[in-house]
Amino acid sequence: MKSHFLFVLSICPCICILSLFIYSSHLSKPNRLFKVGKEYVLVKQDSPIVSWHETMKRYLKLPLDNHYGSHAIVLLGAAYVCNQGPILELGMGSTSTPLLHKLALDQKRRLVSADSDRQWTNQFLTLFGNKTSHRIRHVEVQSETGFEWSLAGLSDLENWTIVLIDHRPGPRRQFELMLYSQRSDLVVLSSKNESIVQRIDYLLETTPDSYFVN
């Protein structure tokens, strides 16, 4: 019994050293620790989680503005997944336009930003200019329904990969959703108006899935 006990005592340091060696070898590989709730999770460096984490740190200023900038992470996610091809921004803003401008430059893709408010278009024309990589368009809207957006010729301008719908008037967005679901790979729709959201939810529920397949 004593010999067995001595054997266990002698083998334990070897096991500890071996375990420590294996663990340190595991850590020496390109891994990252991420905090999830109150715990830490070890993730491989080549995991998409690490890449996405670095992308968020590069392009977003956290915490997000829950009022005007809450859609930024969704927009960034769309550009992260679909990272090639032209982008259309319907409705410009202090969060989405600078974000898309930087993404378009970094990903070497074309961007068209359009708005019915001269203040927004003039502001970003002064800031960014009107270059081939980022064109800024003003859409003159005088009607309450905003039908002028359908006459702007933006839908057939490019084979869009991402379309952000955040323009005015708000009720017009449901029509753009149906239009660009047939003309782009991804559509990001932003709206905080509850009645508009309910209307769009109803529209999505009652429209056959086959309509949204390009």
N, C-alpha and C. Protein backbone atom coordinates (compact mmCIF):
# COMPACT_ATOMS: atom_id res chain seq x y z
N MET A 1 0.84 -1.19 0.00
CA MET A 1 0.00 0.00 0.00
C MET A 1 0.87 1.24 0.00
N LYS A 2 1.95 1.19 0.83
CA LYS A 2 2.86 2.32 0.91
C LYS A 2 3.55 2.56 -0.41
N SER A 3 3.95 1.46 -1.09
CA SER A 3 4.64 1.58 -2.37
C SER A 3 3.72 2.20 -3.42
N HIS A 4 2.46 1.81 -3.38
CA HIS A 4 1.49 2.39 -4.32
C HIS A 4 1.32 3.88 -4.08
N PHE A 5 1.30 4.25 -2.80
CA PHE A 5 1.14 5.64 -2.45
C PHE A 5 2.34 6.47 -2.92
N LEU A 6 3.56 5.87 -2.72
CA LEU A 6 4.77 6.56 -3.18
C LEU A 6 4.79 6.68 -4.69
N PHE A 7 4.28 5.66 -5.38
CA PHE A 7 4.23 5.69 -6.84
C PHE A 7 3.34 6.83 -7.32
N VAL A 8 2.16 6.98 -6.66
CA VAL A 8 1.24 8.06 -7.02
C VAL A 8 1.90 9.41 -6.79
N LEU A 9 2.59 9.56 -5.67
CA LEU A 9 3.26 10.83 -5.37
C LEU A 9 4.34 11.14 -6.40
N SER A 10 5.04 10.11 -6.87
CA SER A 10 6.12 10.33 -7.83
C SER A 10 5.60 10.62 -9.23
N ILE A 11 4.44 10.03 -9.56
CA ILE A 11 3.90 10.21 -10.92
C ILE A 11 3.13 11.51 -11.06
N CYS A 12 2.58 12.03 -9.95
CA CYS A 12 1.77 13.26 -10.02
C CYS A 12 2.55 14.46 -10.57
N PRO A 13 3.80 14.71 -10.11
CA PRO A 13 4.54 15.84 -10.69
C PRO A 13 4.75 15.68 -12.20
N CYS A 14 4.99 14.43 -12.64
CA CYS A 14 5.18 14.20 -14.08
C CYS A 14 3.92 14.55 -14.86
N ILE A 15 2.75 14.14 -14.30
CA ILE A 15 1.48 14.44 -14.96
C ILE A 15 1.25 15.94 -15.01
N CYS A 16 1.56 16.62 -13.90
CA CYS A 16 1.37 18.07 -13.84
C CYS A 16 2.25 18.78 -14.86
N ILE A 17 3.52 18.34 -14.94
CA ILE A 17 4.45 18.96 -15.88
C ILE A 17 4.00 18.71 -17.31
N LEU A 18 3.55 17.46 -17.59
CA LEU A 18 3.08 17.12 -18.93
C LEU A 18 1.84 17.94 -19.30
N SER A 19 0.91 18.08 -18.35
CA SER A 19 -0.32 18.85 -18.60
C SER A 19 0.02 20.31 -18.86
N LEU A 20 0.97 20.83 -18.06
CA LEU A 20 1.38 22.22 -18.23
C LEU A 20 2.03 22.42 -19.59
N PHE A 21 2.82 21.45 -20.03
CA PHE A 21 3.47 21.53 -21.34
C PHE A 21 2.44 21.54 -22.47
N ILE A 22 1.45 20.63 -22.37
CA ILE A 22 0.41 20.55 -23.40
C ILE A 22 -0.40 21.84 -23.43
N TYR A 23 -0.73 22.37 -22.24
CA TYR A 23 -1.54 23.60 -22.18
C TYR A 23 -0.76 24.79 -22.73
N SER A 24 0.54 24.88 -22.37
CA SER A 24 1.34 26.00 -22.86
C SER A 24 1.54 25.89 -24.37
N SER A 25 1.66 24.66 -24.89
CA SER A 25 1.78 24.47 -26.33
C SER A 25 0.50 24.91 -27.03
N HIS A 26 -0.62 24.61 -26.36
CA HIS A 26 -1.91 25.01 -26.94
C HIS A 26 -2.04 26.53 -26.98
N LEU A 27 -1.56 27.19 -25.93
CA LEU A 27 -1.64 28.64 -25.87
C LEU A 27 -0.65 29.31 -26.81
N SER A 28 0.46 28.60 -27.09
CA SER A 28 1.47 29.19 -27.96
C SER A 28 0.98 29.28 -29.40
N LYS A 29 -0.04 28.50 -29.74
CA LYS A 29 -0.63 28.60 -31.06
C LYS A 29 -1.42 29.90 -31.15
N PRO A 30 -1.67 30.39 -32.36
CA PRO A 30 -2.37 31.67 -32.50
C PRO A 30 -3.83 31.59 -32.05
N ASN A 31 -4.06 31.73 -30.74
CA ASN A 31 -5.40 31.69 -30.18
C ASN A 31 -5.72 33.00 -29.49
N ARG A 32 -7.01 33.22 -29.22
CA ARG A 32 -7.44 34.44 -28.55
C ARG A 32 -8.43 34.09 -27.45
N LEU A 33 -8.40 34.85 -26.37
CA LEU A 33 -9.36 34.70 -25.30
C LEU A 33 -10.45 35.74 -25.45
N PHE A 34 -11.71 35.30 -25.42
CA PHE A 34 -12.84 36.20 -25.51
C PHE A 34 -13.71 36.03 -24.28
N LYS A 35 -14.19 37.15 -23.75
CA LYS A 35 -15.08 37.10 -22.60
C LYS A 35 -16.51 36.97 -23.07
N VAL A 36 -17.17 35.90 -22.66
CA VAL A 36 -18.57 35.66 -22.99
C VAL A 36 -19.33 35.60 -21.68
N GLY A 37 -20.07 36.65 -21.36
CA GLY A 37 -20.72 36.75 -20.06
C GLY A 37 -19.66 36.91 -18.98
N LYS A 38 -19.63 35.97 -18.05
CA LYS A 38 -18.64 36.02 -16.97
C LYS A 38 -17.49 35.04 -17.20
N GLU A 39 -17.52 34.33 -18.32
CA GLU A 39 -16.51 33.33 -18.59
C GLU A 39 -15.65 33.73 -19.78
N TYR A 40 -14.46 33.11 -19.89
CA TYR A 40 -13.56 33.35 -21.01
C TYR A 40 -13.51 32.10 -21.90
N VAL A 41 -13.53 32.33 -23.19
CA VAL A 41 -13.54 31.23 -24.15
C VAL A 41 -12.31 31.37 -25.04
N LEU A 42 -11.60 30.25 -25.24
CA LEU A 42 -10.42 30.23 -26.09
C LEU A 42 -10.84 29.95 -27.53
N VAL A 43 -10.48 30.85 -28.44
CA VAL A 43 -10.88 30.74 -29.84
C VAL A 43 -9.65 30.77 -30.72
N LYS A 44 -9.63 29.93 -31.75
CA LYS A 44 -8.50 29.91 -32.68
C LYS A 44 -8.41 31.22 -33.43
N GLN A 45 -7.17 31.63 -33.69
CA GLN A 45 -6.93 32.92 -34.34
C GLN A 45 -7.55 33.00 -35.73
N ASP A 46 -7.62 31.86 -36.44
CA ASP A 46 -8.17 31.88 -37.79
C ASP A 46 -9.69 31.70 -37.80
N SER A 47 -10.31 31.74 -36.63
CA SER A 47 -11.77 31.60 -36.55
C SER A 47 -12.44 32.87 -37.08
N PRO A 48 -13.60 32.74 -37.74
CA PRO A 48 -14.35 33.93 -38.17
C PRO A 48 -14.72 34.84 -37.01
N ILE A 49 -14.82 34.30 -35.80
CA ILE A 49 -15.15 35.11 -34.63
C ILE A 49 -14.07 36.16 -34.40
N VAL A 50 -12.81 35.76 -34.54
CA VAL A 50 -11.71 36.70 -34.34
C VAL A 50 -11.72 37.76 -35.43
N SER A 51 -11.92 37.35 -36.66
CA SER A 51 -11.96 38.28 -37.78
C SER A 51 -13.09 39.30 -37.62
N TRP A 52 -14.26 38.82 -37.21
CA TRP A 52 -15.41 39.70 -37.01
C TRP A 52 -15.16 40.66 -35.85
N HIS A 53 -14.52 40.17 -34.80
CA HIS A 53 -14.19 41.01 -33.65
C HIS A 53 -13.27 42.16 -34.07
N GLU A 54 -12.25 41.84 -34.86
CA GLU A 54 -11.32 42.86 -35.34
C GLU A 54 -12.02 43.86 -36.26
N THR A 55 -12.95 43.35 -37.08
CA THR A 55 -13.70 44.23 -37.98
C THR A 55 -14.54 45.23 -37.20
N MET A 56 -15.21 44.77 -36.15
CA MET A 56 -16.01 45.67 -35.33
C MET A 56 -15.15 46.72 -34.65
N LYS A 57 -13.99 46.31 -34.13
CA LYS A 57 -13.09 47.25 -33.47
C LYS A 57 -12.59 48.31 -34.44
N ARG A 58 -12.42 47.93 -35.68
CA ARG A 58 -11.87 48.85 -36.69
C ARG A 58 -12.89 49.88 -37.16
N TYR A 59 -14.14 49.45 -37.32
CA TYR A 59 -15.13 50.32 -37.98
C TYR A 59 -16.17 50.92 -37.05
N LEU A 60 -16.37 50.35 -35.87
CA LEU A 60 -17.44 50.84 -34.99
C LEU A 60 -16.89 51.45 -33.72
N LYS A 61 -17.57 52.48 -33.28
CA LYS A 61 -17.26 53.09 -32.00
C LYS A 61 -18.31 52.62 -31.01
N LEU A 62 -17.89 51.78 -30.08
CA LEU A 62 -18.82 51.19 -29.12
C LEU A 62 -18.80 51.97 -27.80
N PRO A 63 -19.93 52.07 -27.09
CA PRO A 63 -21.24 51.48 -27.42
C PRO A 63 -21.92 52.24 -28.55
N LEU A 64 -22.81 51.55 -29.25
CA LEU A 64 -23.52 52.15 -30.36
C LEU A 64 -24.55 53.16 -29.86
N ASP A 65 -24.83 54.15 -30.70
CA ASP A 65 -25.89 55.09 -30.44
C ASP A 65 -27.22 54.39 -30.73
N ASN A 66 -27.98 54.12 -29.69
CA ASN A 66 -29.23 53.35 -29.86
C ASN A 66 -30.32 54.13 -30.59
N HIS A 67 -30.08 55.41 -30.82
CA HIS A 67 -31.12 56.20 -31.49
C HIS A 67 -30.88 56.24 -32.99
N TYR A 68 -29.72 56.80 -33.39
CA TYR A 68 -29.47 56.96 -34.82
C TYR A 68 -28.49 55.94 -35.38
N GLY A 69 -27.60 55.39 -34.56
CA GLY A 69 -26.57 54.50 -35.10
C GLY A 69 -26.78 53.05 -34.79
N SER A 70 -27.98 52.66 -34.37
CA SER A 70 -28.22 51.29 -33.94
C SER A 70 -28.13 50.28 -35.08
N HIS A 71 -28.30 50.72 -36.33
CA HIS A 71 -28.25 49.80 -37.46
C HIS A 71 -26.84 49.60 -37.99
N ALA A 72 -25.86 50.27 -37.38
CA ALA A 72 -24.49 50.23 -37.90
C ALA A 72 -23.91 48.82 -37.87
N ILE A 73 -24.17 48.07 -36.80
CA ILE A 73 -23.59 46.73 -36.69
C ILE A 73 -24.20 45.78 -37.72
N VAL A 74 -25.49 45.98 -38.04
CA VAL A 74 -26.13 45.16 -39.07
C VAL A 74 -25.55 45.50 -40.44
N LEU A 75 -25.35 46.78 -40.67
CA LEU A 75 -24.79 47.24 -41.94
C LEU A 75 -23.36 46.73 -42.11
N LEU A 76 -22.60 46.79 -41.04
CA LEU A 76 -21.23 46.28 -41.08
C LEU A 76 -21.22 44.78 -41.32
N GLY A 77 -22.14 44.07 -40.68
CA GLY A 77 -22.25 42.63 -40.88
C GLY A 77 -22.57 42.27 -42.32
N ALA A 78 -23.42 43.07 -42.94
CA ALA A 78 -23.76 42.84 -44.35
C ALA A 78 -22.52 43.01 -45.23
N ALA A 79 -21.73 44.05 -44.96
CA ALA A 79 -20.52 44.29 -45.75
C ALA A 79 -19.44 43.26 -45.45
N TYR A 80 -19.46 42.71 -44.24
CA TYR A 80 -18.49 41.68 -43.86
C TYR A 80 -18.78 40.37 -44.59
N VAL A 81 -20.06 40.03 -44.69
CA VAL A 81 -20.46 38.79 -45.36
C VAL A 81 -20.38 38.94 -46.87
N CYS A 82 -20.86 40.07 -47.37
CA CYS A 82 -20.91 40.32 -48.81
C CYS A 82 -19.93 41.45 -49.11
N ASN A 83 -18.66 41.11 -49.28
CA ASN A 83 -17.60 42.11 -49.30
C ASN A 83 -17.14 42.53 -50.70
N GLN A 84 -17.96 42.27 -51.69
CA GLN A 84 -17.64 42.71 -53.06
C GLN A 84 -18.91 43.25 -53.72
N GLY A 85 -18.71 44.11 -54.71
CA GLY A 85 -19.84 44.62 -55.46
C GLY A 85 -20.34 45.96 -54.93
N PRO A 86 -21.12 46.67 -55.74
CA PRO A 86 -21.56 48.03 -55.40
C PRO A 86 -22.61 48.07 -54.28
N ILE A 87 -22.61 49.20 -53.56
CA ILE A 87 -23.52 49.42 -52.44
C ILE A 87 -24.38 50.65 -52.75
N LEU A 88 -25.66 50.57 -52.42
CA LEU A 88 -26.57 51.70 -52.57
C LEU A 88 -27.10 52.10 -51.20
N GLU A 89 -26.97 53.39 -50.88
CA GLU A 89 -27.46 53.92 -49.61
C GLU A 89 -28.62 54.88 -49.91
N LEU A 90 -29.81 54.48 -49.53
CA LEU A 90 -30.99 55.33 -49.70
C LEU A 90 -31.30 55.99 -48.36
N GLY A 91 -30.93 57.24 -48.25
CA GLY A 91 -31.06 57.96 -46.98
C GLY A 91 -29.71 58.04 -46.29
N MET A 92 -29.14 59.24 -46.26
CA MET A 92 -27.80 59.42 -45.71
C MET A 92 -27.88 59.81 -44.24
N GLY A 93 -26.77 59.64 -43.53
CA GLY A 93 -26.76 59.96 -42.11
C GLY A 93 -25.35 60.03 -41.55
N SER A 94 -25.24 60.54 -40.35
CA SER A 94 -23.93 60.75 -39.73
C SER A 94 -23.25 59.44 -39.34
N THR A 95 -24.02 58.35 -39.27
CA THR A 95 -23.43 57.04 -38.95
C THR A 95 -23.20 56.20 -40.20
N SER A 96 -24.25 56.01 -40.99
CA SER A 96 -24.17 55.09 -42.12
C SER A 96 -23.27 55.58 -43.24
N THR A 97 -23.33 56.87 -43.57
CA THR A 97 -22.57 57.36 -44.72
C THR A 97 -21.05 57.31 -44.49
N PRO A 98 -20.52 57.81 -43.36
CA PRO A 98 -19.08 57.65 -43.13
C PRO A 98 -18.64 56.19 -43.05
N LEU A 99 -19.49 55.34 -42.45
CA LEU A 99 -19.16 53.91 -42.34
C LEU A 99 -19.07 53.27 -43.71
N LEU A 100 -20.08 53.50 -44.55
CA LEU A 100 -20.08 52.92 -45.89
C LEU A 100 -18.98 53.52 -46.76
N HIS A 101 -18.67 54.78 -46.57
CA HIS A 101 -17.59 55.42 -47.33
C HIS A 101 -16.26 54.72 -47.03
N LYS A 102 -15.97 54.49 -45.76
CA LYS A 102 -14.73 53.82 -45.38
C LYS A 102 -14.70 52.37 -45.86
N LEU A 103 -15.83 51.69 -45.74
CA LEU A 103 -15.90 50.30 -46.21
C LEU A 103 -15.68 50.23 -47.72
N ALA A 104 -16.28 51.17 -48.46
CA ALA A 104 -16.12 51.18 -49.92
C ALA A 104 -14.67 51.40 -50.32
N LEU A 105 -13.99 52.28 -49.61
CA LEU A 105 -12.58 52.53 -49.90
C LEU A 105 -11.73 51.31 -49.57
N ASP A 106 -11.94 50.74 -48.39
CA ASP A 106 -11.13 49.60 -47.95
C ASP A 106 -11.39 48.34 -48.78
N GLN A 107 -12.64 48.14 -49.17
CA GLN A 107 -13.00 46.94 -49.93
C GLN A 107 -12.97 47.16 -51.44
N LYS A 108 -12.60 48.39 -51.84
CA LYS A 108 -12.46 48.74 -53.27
C LYS A 108 -13.76 48.43 -54.03
N ARG A 109 -14.84 49.00 -53.54
CA ARG A 109 -16.14 48.81 -54.18
C ARG A 109 -16.82 50.17 -54.36
N ARG A 110 -17.77 50.21 -55.27
CA ARG A 110 -18.47 51.46 -55.56
C ARG A 110 -19.62 51.67 -54.58
N LEU A 111 -19.87 52.95 -54.28
CA LEU A 111 -20.93 53.33 -53.36
C LEU A 111 -21.70 54.50 -53.95
N VAL A 112 -23.01 54.39 -53.94
CA VAL A 112 -23.88 55.51 -54.32
C VAL A 112 -24.75 55.84 -53.11
N SER A 113 -24.67 57.10 -52.66
CA SER A 113 -25.49 57.57 -51.55
C SER A 113 -26.49 58.59 -52.07
N ALA A 114 -27.75 58.43 -51.71
CA ALA A 114 -28.80 59.32 -52.20
C ALA A 114 -29.68 59.79 -51.05
N ASP A 115 -30.12 61.04 -51.15
CA ASP A 115 -31.00 61.58 -50.12
C ASP A 115 -31.86 62.68 -50.72
N SER A 116 -33.03 62.91 -50.11
CA SER A 116 -33.92 63.98 -50.56
C SER A 116 -33.66 65.28 -49.81
N ASP A 117 -32.77 65.23 -48.84
CA ASP A 117 -32.44 66.40 -48.03
C ASP A 117 -31.14 67.02 -48.54
N ARG A 118 -31.24 68.25 -49.05
CA ARG A 118 -30.06 68.93 -49.58
C ARG A 118 -28.97 69.12 -48.52
N GLN A 119 -29.38 69.25 -47.29
CA GLN A 119 -28.41 69.46 -46.22
C GLN A 119 -27.46 68.28 -46.11
N TRP A 120 -28.02 67.06 -46.19
CA TRP A 120 -27.18 65.87 -46.11
C TRP A 120 -26.27 65.73 -47.34
N THR A 121 -26.84 65.89 -48.51
CA THR A 121 -26.03 65.72 -49.72
C THR A 121 -24.93 66.77 -49.80
N ASN A 122 -25.25 68.02 -49.47
CA ASN A 122 -24.23 69.08 -49.51
C ASN A 122 -23.14 68.85 -48.47
N GLN A 123 -23.55 68.38 -47.29
CA GLN A 123 -22.58 68.14 -46.23
C GLN A 123 -21.55 67.10 -46.64
N PHE A 124 -22.02 66.00 -47.23
CA PHE A 124 -21.09 64.93 -47.58
C PHE A 124 -20.39 65.18 -48.92
N LEU A 125 -20.98 66.01 -49.76
CA LEU A 125 -20.25 66.44 -50.96
C LEU A 125 -19.04 67.27 -50.56
N THR A 126 -19.21 68.11 -49.56
CA THR A 126 -18.10 68.91 -49.04
C THR A 126 -17.05 68.03 -48.38
N LEU A 127 -17.52 67.02 -47.67
CA LEU A 127 -16.61 66.16 -46.91
C LEU A 127 -15.88 65.15 -47.78
N PHE A 128 -16.61 64.50 -48.68
CA PHE A 128 -16.05 63.40 -49.47
C PHE A 128 -15.86 63.74 -50.95
N GLY A 129 -16.53 64.79 -51.44
CA GLY A 129 -16.50 65.05 -52.88
C GLY A 129 -17.46 64.12 -53.59
N ASN A 130 -17.42 64.14 -54.91
CA ASN A 130 -18.29 63.25 -55.69
C ASN A 130 -17.41 62.46 -56.64
N LYS A 131 -16.82 61.39 -56.12
CA LYS A 131 -15.84 60.60 -56.86
C LYS A 131 -16.51 59.39 -57.51
N THR A 132 -15.75 58.76 -58.39
CA THR A 132 -16.27 57.56 -59.06
C THR A 132 -16.58 56.46 -58.06
N SER A 133 -15.74 56.33 -57.03
CA SER A 133 -15.94 55.27 -56.04
C SER A 133 -17.10 55.57 -55.09
N HIS A 134 -17.42 56.87 -54.92
CA HIS A 134 -18.53 57.25 -54.04
C HIS A 134 -19.27 58.43 -54.67
N ARG A 135 -20.38 58.10 -55.31
CA ARG A 135 -21.21 59.13 -55.93
C ARG A 135 -22.35 59.51 -55.00
N ILE A 136 -22.63 60.80 -54.92
CA ILE A 136 -23.68 61.32 -54.06
C ILE A 136 -24.76 61.95 -54.93
N ARG A 137 -25.99 61.51 -54.70
CA ARG A 137 -27.11 61.96 -55.53
C ARG A 137 -28.19 62.61 -54.67
N HIS A 138 -28.72 63.72 -55.17
CA HIS A 138 -29.87 64.34 -54.52
C HIS A 138 -31.13 63.97 -55.30
N VAL A 139 -32.15 63.50 -54.58
CA VAL A 139 -33.43 63.14 -55.19
C VAL A 139 -34.47 64.16 -54.71
N GLU A 140 -34.99 64.94 -55.62
CA GLU A 140 -35.97 65.96 -55.27
C GLU A 140 -37.32 65.29 -55.00
N VAL A 141 -37.77 65.38 -53.75
CA VAL A 141 -39.04 64.78 -53.34
C VAL A 141 -39.95 65.88 -52.83
N GLN A 142 -41.09 66.04 -53.47
CA GLN A 142 -42.07 67.05 -53.07
C GLN A 142 -43.41 66.44 -52.66
N SER A 143 -43.65 65.21 -53.06
CA SER A 143 -44.93 64.57 -52.74
C SER A 143 -44.87 63.90 -51.37
N GLU A 144 -46.03 63.67 -50.77
CA GLU A 144 -46.11 62.99 -49.48
C GLU A 144 -45.79 61.50 -49.60
N THR A 145 -46.05 60.94 -50.75
CA THR A 145 -45.81 59.49 -50.94
C THR A 145 -44.37 59.18 -51.31
N GLY A 146 -43.64 60.19 -51.80
CA GLY A 146 -42.24 59.96 -52.18
C GLY A 146 -42.07 59.14 -53.44
N PHE A 147 -43.06 59.22 -54.35
CA PHE A 147 -42.97 58.43 -55.59
C PHE A 147 -41.77 58.85 -56.45
N GLU A 148 -41.23 60.04 -56.18
CA GLU A 148 -40.08 60.52 -56.96
C GLU A 148 -38.87 59.59 -56.85
N TRP A 149 -38.80 58.81 -55.77
CA TRP A 149 -37.69 57.85 -55.64
C TRP A 149 -37.74 56.81 -56.75
N SER A 150 -38.94 56.46 -57.19
CA SER A 150 -39.05 55.45 -58.26
C SER A 150 -38.63 56.01 -59.61
N LEU A 151 -38.55 57.34 -59.71
CA LEU A 151 -38.16 57.97 -60.97
C LEU A 151 -36.68 58.35 -60.99
N ALA A 152 -35.98 58.09 -59.91
CA ALA A 152 -34.58 58.52 -59.80
C ALA A 152 -33.62 57.66 -60.60
N GLY A 153 -34.06 56.48 -61.03
CA GLY A 153 -33.22 55.61 -61.85
C GLY A 153 -32.09 54.94 -61.09
N LEU A 154 -32.25 54.79 -59.79
CA LEU A 154 -31.18 54.20 -58.98
C LEU A 154 -31.18 52.68 -59.01
N SER A 155 -32.33 52.07 -59.17
CA SER A 155 -32.43 50.61 -59.08
C SER A 155 -31.67 49.91 -60.21
N ASP A 156 -31.65 50.54 -61.39
CA ASP A 156 -30.99 49.92 -62.54
C ASP A 156 -29.60 50.49 -62.80
N LEU A 157 -29.12 51.32 -61.88
CA LEU A 157 -27.81 51.96 -62.07
C LEU A 157 -26.67 50.95 -61.97
N GLU A 158 -26.80 49.98 -61.07
CA GLU A 158 -25.78 48.95 -60.85
C GLU A 158 -26.47 47.64 -60.53
N ASN A 159 -25.68 46.55 -60.55
CA ASN A 159 -26.15 45.28 -60.00
C ASN A 159 -25.78 45.27 -58.52
N TRP A 160 -26.67 45.80 -57.70
CA TRP A 160 -26.35 46.05 -56.30
C TRP A 160 -26.13 44.77 -55.51
N THR A 161 -25.16 44.81 -54.62
CA THR A 161 -24.96 43.68 -53.70
C THR A 161 -25.56 43.99 -52.33
N ILE A 162 -25.49 45.26 -51.90
CA ILE A 162 -26.07 45.68 -50.62
C ILE A 162 -26.87 46.96 -50.85
N VAL A 163 -28.06 47.02 -50.30
CA VAL A 163 -28.88 48.23 -50.35
C VAL A 163 -29.33 48.56 -48.94
N LEU A 164 -29.03 49.77 -48.48
CA LEU A 164 -29.55 50.28 -47.21
C LEU A 164 -30.77 51.14 -47.50
N ILE A 165 -31.89 50.82 -46.87
CA ILE A 165 -33.12 51.59 -47.05
C ILE A 165 -33.40 52.35 -45.76
N ASP A 166 -33.19 53.66 -45.82
CA ASP A 166 -33.35 54.50 -44.63
C ASP A 166 -33.75 55.92 -45.04
N HIS A 167 -34.52 56.03 -46.12
CA HIS A 167 -34.84 57.33 -46.68
C HIS A 167 -36.24 57.80 -46.26
N ARG A 168 -36.57 59.01 -46.69
CA ARG A 168 -37.88 59.60 -46.39
C ARG A 168 -38.64 59.87 -47.69
N PRO A 169 -39.97 59.83 -47.56
CA PRO A 169 -40.80 59.56 -46.38
C PRO A 169 -40.77 58.10 -45.96
N GLY A 170 -40.94 57.85 -44.65
CA GLY A 170 -40.83 56.50 -44.11
C GLY A 170 -41.71 55.47 -44.77
N PRO A 171 -43.00 55.77 -45.04
CA PRO A 171 -43.87 54.76 -45.67
C PRO A 171 -43.39 54.31 -47.05
N ARG A 172 -42.52 55.09 -47.66
CA ARG A 172 -42.00 54.71 -48.98
C ARG A 172 -41.07 53.51 -48.90
N ARG A 173 -40.55 53.23 -47.73
CA ARG A 173 -39.54 52.17 -47.58
C ARG A 173 -40.09 50.78 -47.92
N GLN A 174 -41.36 50.56 -47.68
CA GLN A 174 -41.92 49.24 -47.99
C GLN A 174 -41.87 48.96 -49.49
N PHE A 175 -42.03 50.00 -50.31
CA PHE A 175 -41.97 49.81 -51.76
C PHE A 175 -40.54 49.56 -52.22
N GLU A 176 -39.59 50.26 -51.59
CA GLU A 176 -38.18 50.03 -51.92
C GLU A 176 -37.74 48.63 -51.50
N LEU A 177 -38.29 48.15 -50.39
CA LEU A 177 -37.97 46.79 -49.93
C LEU A 177 -38.37 45.77 -50.98
N MET A 178 -39.57 45.90 -51.50
CA MET A 178 -40.04 44.96 -52.52
C MET A 178 -39.25 45.11 -53.82
N LEU A 179 -38.89 46.34 -54.16
CA LEU A 179 -38.16 46.59 -55.40
C LEU A 179 -36.75 46.01 -55.34
N TYR A 180 -36.02 46.35 -54.26
CA TYR A 180 -34.60 45.97 -54.20
C TYR A 180 -34.37 44.54 -53.74
N SER A 181 -35.40 43.90 -53.22
CA SER A 181 -35.25 42.47 -52.90
C SER A 181 -35.04 41.66 -54.17
N GLN A 182 -35.44 42.22 -55.31
CA GLN A 182 -35.25 41.58 -56.61
C GLN A 182 -33.98 42.06 -57.31
N ARG A 183 -33.34 43.08 -56.77
CA ARG A 183 -32.23 43.71 -57.49
C ARG A 183 -30.95 43.80 -56.67
N SER A 184 -30.88 43.10 -55.55
CA SER A 184 -29.67 43.12 -54.74
C SER A 184 -29.53 41.81 -53.97
N ASP A 185 -28.32 41.57 -53.49
CA ASP A 185 -28.07 40.35 -52.71
C ASP A 185 -28.57 40.49 -51.27
N LEU A 186 -28.33 41.67 -50.69
CA LEU A 186 -28.72 41.92 -49.30
C LEU A 186 -29.43 43.27 -49.20
N VAL A 187 -30.47 43.32 -48.40
CA VAL A 187 -31.18 44.58 -48.14
C VAL A 187 -31.20 44.80 -46.63
N VAL A 188 -30.74 45.98 -46.21
CA VAL A 188 -30.80 46.37 -44.80
C VAL A 188 -31.83 47.47 -44.68
N LEU A 189 -32.90 47.22 -43.95
CA LEU A 189 -33.97 48.19 -43.80
C LEU A 189 -33.95 48.75 -42.38
N SER A 190 -33.92 50.07 -42.29
CA SER A 190 -33.88 50.72 -40.97
C SER A 190 -35.15 51.52 -40.76
N SER A 191 -35.82 51.28 -39.62
CA SER A 191 -37.02 52.05 -39.29
C SER A 191 -37.34 51.90 -37.82
N LYS A 192 -37.63 53.02 -37.16
CA LYS A 192 -38.04 53.00 -35.76
C LYS A 192 -39.52 53.33 -35.60
N ASN A 193 -40.18 53.64 -36.72
CA ASN A 193 -41.60 53.94 -36.68
C ASN A 193 -42.38 52.64 -36.55
N GLU A 194 -43.09 52.49 -35.46
CA GLU A 194 -43.77 51.22 -35.17
C GLU A 194 -44.80 50.86 -36.23
N SER A 195 -45.56 51.84 -36.71
CA SER A 195 -46.58 51.55 -37.71
C SER A 195 -45.97 51.08 -39.02
N ILE A 196 -44.81 51.67 -39.38
CA ILE A 196 -44.12 51.25 -40.60
C ILE A 196 -43.57 49.84 -40.44
N VAL A 197 -43.00 49.56 -39.27
CA VAL A 197 -42.46 48.22 -39.00
C VAL A 197 -43.58 47.18 -39.07
N GLN A 198 -44.73 47.48 -38.49
CA GLN A 198 -45.86 46.55 -38.52
C GLN A 198 -46.35 46.33 -39.95
N ARG A 199 -46.35 47.39 -40.73
CA ARG A 199 -46.80 47.29 -42.13
C ARG A 199 -45.84 46.42 -42.94
N ILE A 200 -44.55 46.60 -42.69
CA ILE A 200 -43.55 45.82 -43.41
C ILE A 200 -43.57 44.36 -42.96
N ASP A 201 -43.79 44.13 -41.66
CA ASP A 201 -43.93 42.76 -41.16
C ASP A 201 -45.08 42.05 -41.85
N TYR A 202 -46.20 42.74 -41.98
CA TYR A 202 -47.36 42.16 -42.66
C TYR A 202 -47.04 41.88 -44.12
N LEU A 203 -46.32 42.82 -44.73
CA LEU A 203 -45.94 42.66 -46.14
C LEU A 203 -45.07 41.42 -46.33
N LEU A 204 -44.12 41.22 -45.43
CA LEU A 204 -43.22 40.07 -45.53
C LEU A 204 -43.96 38.76 -45.28
N GLU A 205 -44.90 38.79 -44.34
CA GLU A 205 -45.64 37.57 -44.01
C GLU A 205 -46.58 37.14 -45.13
N THR A 206 -47.12 38.10 -45.86
CA THR A 206 -48.11 37.78 -46.89
C THR A 206 -47.52 37.64 -48.28
N THR A 207 -46.22 37.87 -48.42
CA THR A 207 -45.57 37.74 -49.72
C THR A 207 -44.89 36.38 -49.82
N PRO A 208 -45.13 35.63 -50.87
CA PRO A 208 -44.49 34.31 -51.02
C PRO A 208 -42.96 34.42 -51.01
N ASP A 209 -42.32 33.43 -50.40
CA ASP A 209 -40.85 33.43 -50.31
C ASP A 209 -40.21 33.45 -51.69
N SER A 210 -40.89 32.87 -52.67
CA SER A 210 -40.32 32.80 -54.02
C SER A 210 -40.11 34.19 -54.62
N TYR A 211 -40.85 35.18 -54.11
CA TYR A 211 -40.70 36.54 -54.64
C TYR A 211 -39.32 37.10 -54.33
N PHE A 212 -38.76 36.69 -53.19
CA PHE A 212 -37.49 37.25 -52.73
C PHE A 212 -36.28 36.47 -53.23
N VAL A 213 -36.48 35.47 -54.06
CA VAL A 213 -35.38 34.69 -54.62
C VAL A 213 -34.97 35.30 -55.94
N ASN A 214 -33.70 35.75 -56.01
CA ASN A 214 -33.20 36.36 -57.25
C ASN A 214 -32.97 35.31 -58.34
